[in-house]
Amino acid sequence: MPKVRVSMMDLQRRALQEVRKQPGCHDVREIAINRVAKPAENNWSLCVLAAGSADANTAARAAVHVQTVLRRDYDLLTD
């Protein structure tokens, strides 16, 4: 099944919702979607910028998990 191409803002919104669903991460405040310059399979990556009251390591692990899951379905729109 082909991936859905979404805008940076849409992907960021979806990813933040998914990160906040992970155990211990309901209070994650901010994430970043980074465009990958030379994509092999995926053209974006995800990281937590502000963990809020969540443990930073827990939030980082949640971001890796969410990135893996969302990369199966979404690619960034290209300019």
C-alpha atoms as a PDB file:
ATOM      1  CA  MET A   1       0.000   0.000   0.000  1.00  0.00           C
ATOM      2  CA  PRO A   2       1.457   3.401  -0.942  1.00  0.00           C
ATOM      3  CA  LYS A   3       2.244   5.928   1.767  1.00  0.00           C
ATOM      4  CA  VAL A   4       0.067   8.975   2.272  1.00  0.00           C
ATOM      5  CA  ARG A   5       1.887  12.264   1.668  1.00  0.00           C
ATOM      6  CA  VAL A   6       1.094  14.866   4.325  1.00  0.00           C
ATOM      7  CA  SER A   7       2.223  18.370   5.176  1.00  0.00           C
ATOM      8  CA  MET A   8       4.820  19.009   7.871  1.00  0.00           C
ATOM      9  CA  MET A   9       2.164  20.540  10.159  1.00  0.00           C
ATOM     10  CA  ASP A  10      -0.239  17.638   9.683  1.00  0.00           C
ATOM     11  CA  LEU A  11       2.444  15.050  10.396  1.00  0.00           C
ATOM     12  CA  GLN A  12       3.605  16.992  13.449  1.00  0.00           C
ATOM     13  CA  ARG A  13       0.034  17.112  14.795  1.00  0.00           C
ATOM     14  CA  ARG A  14      -0.515  13.387  14.217  1.00  0.00           C
ATOM     15  CA  ALA A  15       2.835  12.441  15.731  1.00  0.00           C
ATOM     16  CA  LEU A  16       2.318  14.552  18.858  1.00  0.00           C
ATOM     17  CA  GLN A  17      -1.075  12.940  19.417  1.00  0.00           C
ATOM     18  CA  GLU A  18       0.475   9.494  19.113  1.00  0.00           C
ATOM     19  CA  VAL A  19       3.409  10.312  21.416  1.00  0.00           C
ATOM     20  CA  ARG A  20       0.986  11.575  24.056  1.00  0.00           C
ATOM     21  CA  LYS A  21      -0.873   8.233  23.912  1.00  0.00           C
ATOM     22  CA  GLN A  22       2.256   6.368  25.010  1.00  0.00           C
ATOM     23  CA  PRO A  23       2.567   5.414  28.705  1.00  0.00           C
ATOM     24  CA  GLY A  24       4.044   8.228  30.771  1.00  0.00           C
ATOM     25  CA  CYS A  25       3.992  10.711  27.880  1.00  0.00           C
ATOM     26  CA  HIS A  26       0.589  12.407  28.188  1.00  0.00           C
ATOM     27  CA  ASP A  27       2.281  15.707  29.042  1.00  0.00           C
ATOM     28  CA  VAL A  28       4.842  15.879  26.201  1.00  0.00           C
ATOM     29  CA  ARG A  29       4.715  19.512  25.101  1.00  0.00           C
ATOM     30  CA  GLU A  30       6.562  19.725  21.798  1.00  0.00           C
ATOM     31  CA  ILE A  31       8.025  17.512  19.095  1.00  0.00           C
ATOM     32  CA  ALA A  32       9.852  18.272  15.870  1.00  0.00           C
ATOM     33  CA  ILE A  33       9.553  16.648  12.482  1.00  0.00           C
ATOM     34  CA  ASN A  34      12.841  16.919  10.623  1.00  0.00           C
ATOM     35  CA  ARG A  35      13.102  16.561   6.875  1.00  0.00           C
ATOM     36  CA  VAL A  36      15.721  13.992   5.834  1.00  0.00           C
ATOM     37  CA  ALA A  37      17.937  15.459   3.105  1.00  0.00           C
ATOM     38  CA  LYS A  38      18.830  12.218   1.320  1.00  0.00           C
ATOM     39  CA  PRO A  39      16.024   9.784   2.048  1.00  0.00           C
ATOM     40  CA  ALA A  40      16.653   6.102   1.530  1.00  0.00           C
ATOM     41  CA  GLU A  41      13.206   4.871   2.575  1.00  0.00           C
ATOM     42  CA  ASN A  42      11.785   7.719   4.654  1.00  0.00           C
ATOM     43  CA  ASN A  43      11.977  11.471   4.206  1.00  0.00           C
ATOM     44  CA  TRP A  44      11.444  12.535   7.826  1.00  0.00           C
ATOM     45  CA  SER A  45      12.458  11.872  11.417  1.00  0.00           C
ATOM     46  CA  LEU A  46      10.912  12.706  14.791  1.00  0.00           C
ATOM     47  CA  CYS A  47      12.330  13.993  18.070  1.00  0.00           C
ATOM     48  CA  VAL A  48      10.977  15.369  21.349  1.00  0.00           C
ATOM     49  CA  LEU A  49      11.853  19.007  22.055  1.00  0.00           C
ATOM     50  CA  ALA A  50       9.953  19.511  25.319  1.00  0.00           C
ATOM     51  CA  ALA A  51       8.990  16.510  27.447  1.00  0.00           C
ATOM     52  CA  GLY A  52       6.906  18.475  29.944  1.00  0.00           C
ATOM     53  CA  SER A  53       6.530  16.423  33.116  1.00  0.00           C
ATOM     54  CA  ALA A  54       7.310  13.188  31.244  1.00  0.00           C
ATOM     55  CA  ASP A  55      10.674  11.516  31.821  1.00  0.00           C
ATOM     56  CA  ALA A  56      12.944  12.583  28.944  1.00  0.00           C
ATOM     57  CA  ASN A  57      14.145   9.025  28.264  1.00  0.00           C
ATOM     58  CA  THR A  58      10.592   7.682  28.247  1.00  0.00           C
ATOM     59  CA  ALA A  59       9.535  10.445  25.861  1.00  0.00           C
ATOM     60  CA  ALA A  60      12.494   9.739  23.570  1.00  0.00           C
ATOM     61  CA  ARG A  61      11.655   6.018  23.456  1.00  0.00           C
ATOM     62  CA  ALA A  62       8.026   6.858  22.719  1.00  0.00           C
ATOM     63  CA  ALA A  63       9.134   9.121  19.858  1.00  0.00           C
ATOM     64  CA  VAL A  64      11.219   6.316  18.329  1.00  0.00           C
ATOM     65  CA  HIS A  65       8.247   3.954  18.558  1.00  0.00           C
ATOM     66  CA  VAL A  66       5.819   6.477  17.051  1.00  0.00           C
ATOM     67  CA  GLN A  67       8.292   7.306  14.290  1.00  0.00           C
ATOM     68  CA  THR A  68       8.540   3.624  13.360  1.00  0.00           C
ATOM     69  CA  VAL A  69       4.764   3.217  13.289  1.00  0.00           C
ATOM     70  CA  LEU A  70       3.974   6.416  11.376  1.00  0.00           C
ATOM     71  CA  ARG A  71       6.756   5.933   8.839  1.00  0.00           C
ATOM     72  CA  ARG A  72       4.877   2.877   7.565  1.00  0.00           C
ATOM     73  CA  ASP A  73       1.994   5.089   6.468  1.00  0.00           C
ATOM     74  CA  TYR A  74       3.236   8.657   5.965  1.00  0.00           C
ATOM     75  CA  ASP A  75       5.773  10.613   3.949  1.00  0.00           C
ATOM     76  CA  LEU A  76       6.216  14.371   3.894  1.00  0.00           C
ATOM     77  CA  LEU A  77       4.986  16.326   0.939  1.00  0.00           C
ATOM     78  CA  THR A  78       7.902  17.503  -1.140  1.00  0.00           C
ATOM     79  CA  ASP A  79       8.277  21.150  -2.115  1.00  0.00           C
END
